[in-house]
Amino acid sequence: MIRIMLSRKLGELRLTQADLSRKTGIRANTINELYHEMTDRVSLEQLDLICEALGCSLDELVDWTPNPVPLISKTRTGNSKKDIV
């Protein structure tokens, strides 16, 4: 599962969503969706702008943890994921 940690980073820096929107030029609604983790997609350009504006690396904004139930059960060739590992 991928989590966007924007709310934590803005809190650490004591910045608002509006501050980030002004610094990056990213729409306030888009920042809000990222802040509340309500988005399925984010562009690399937006991530780049946010990292630059906040002076942080991507791993401070995005966190990945394995899904409790794997989402991939078979590969393109039809092998079970267990067969590959």
Protein backbone atom coordinates (compact mmCIF):
# COMPACT_ATOMS: atom_id res chain seq x y z
CA MET A 1 0.00 0.00 0.00
CA ILE A 2 1.33 3.43 -0.91
CA ARG A 3 0.70 6.31 1.48
CA ILE A 4 1.28 9.99 0.84
CA MET A 5 2.72 11.62 3.94
CA LEU A 6 2.11 15.23 2.90
CA SER A 7 0.07 16.09 6.00
CA ARG A 8 2.90 14.99 8.28
CA LYS A 9 5.54 16.89 6.29
CA LEU A 10 3.50 20.10 6.19
CA GLY A 11 2.92 19.78 9.95
CA GLU A 12 6.65 19.37 10.60
CA LEU A 13 7.38 22.51 8.58
CA ARG A 14 4.36 24.38 9.97
CA LEU A 15 3.08 25.14 6.49
CA THR A 16 -0.50 25.14 5.27
CA GLN A 17 -1.92 23.57 2.16
CA ALA A 18 -2.43 27.11 0.82
CA ASP A 19 1.26 27.91 1.39
CA LEU A 20 2.26 24.84 -0.62
CA SER A 21 -0.20 25.66 -3.37
CA ARG A 22 1.22 29.18 -3.70
CA LYS A 23 4.83 27.94 -3.71
CA THR A 24 4.26 25.22 -6.30
CA GLY A 25 1.45 26.55 -8.46
CA ILE A 26 -0.43 23.27 -7.93
CA ARG A 27 -4.18 23.73 -7.57
CA ALA A 28 -5.38 23.93 -3.96
CA ASN A 29 -7.86 21.08 -4.62
CA THR A 30 -5.05 18.82 -5.80
CA ILE A 31 -2.95 19.63 -2.71
CA ASN A 32 -5.99 18.89 -0.52
CA GLU A 33 -6.54 15.51 -2.18
CA LEU A 34 -2.88 14.59 -1.64
CA TYR A 35 -3.01 15.89 1.95
CA HIS A 36 -6.01 13.68 2.77
CA GLU A 37 -4.76 10.73 0.66
CA MET A 38 -7.89 10.81 -1.48
CA THR A 39 -6.15 10.55 -4.85
CA ASP A 40 -5.26 7.54 -6.98
CA ARG A 41 -2.74 9.36 -9.17
CA VAL A 42 -0.12 12.03 -8.84
CA SER A 43 2.20 13.26 -11.56
CA LEU A 44 5.97 13.10 -11.30
CA GLU A 45 6.07 16.82 -12.06
CA GLN A 46 3.84 17.55 -9.05
CA LEU A 47 5.96 15.36 -6.79
CA ASP A 48 9.08 17.14 -8.04
CA LEU A 49 7.55 20.56 -7.34
CA ILE A 50 6.42 19.53 -3.86
CA CYS A 51 9.84 18.07 -2.96
CA GLU A 52 11.55 21.22 -4.19
CA ALA A 53 9.18 23.53 -2.31
CA LEU A 54 9.49 21.56 0.93
CA GLY A 55 13.20 20.85 0.59
CA CYS A 56 12.72 17.13 1.08
CA SER A 57 13.30 13.87 -0.74
CA LEU A 58 10.59 11.68 -2.23
CA ASP A 59 10.95 9.05 0.49
CA GLU A 60 9.86 11.67 3.04
CA LEU A 61 6.57 12.11 1.14
CA VAL A 62 5.73 8.61 -0.05
CA ASP A 63 5.72 5.41 2.01
CA TRP A 64 5.18 1.85 0.77
CA THR A 65 4.17 -1.05 2.97
CA PRO A 66 3.26 -4.52 1.67
CA ASN A 67 -0.44 -5.19 1.28
CA PRO A 68 -1.83 -7.65 3.87
CA VAL A 69 -3.39 -9.57 1.00
CA PRO A 70 -1.29 -9.49 -2.19
CA LEU A 71 -3.02 -7.77 -5.09
CA ILE A 72 -1.09 -9.77 -7.68
CA SER A 73 -1.81 -13.48 -7.74
CA LYS A 74 -0.53 -14.41 -11.21
CA THR A 75 2.03 -13.06 -13.63
CA ARG A 76 1.49 -12.38 -17.31
CA THR A 77 2.79 -15.84 -18.16
CA GLY A 78 0.22 -17.42 -15.85
CA ASN A 79 2.66 -18.48 -13.14
CA SER A 80 1.66 -18.05 -9.56
CA LYS A 81 3.52 -15.29 -7.76
CA LYS A 82 4.77 -17.95 -5.30
CA ASP A 83 6.43 -19.84 -8.18
CA ILE A 84 8.61 -16.83 -9.00
CA VAL A 85 9.97 -16.23 -5.51
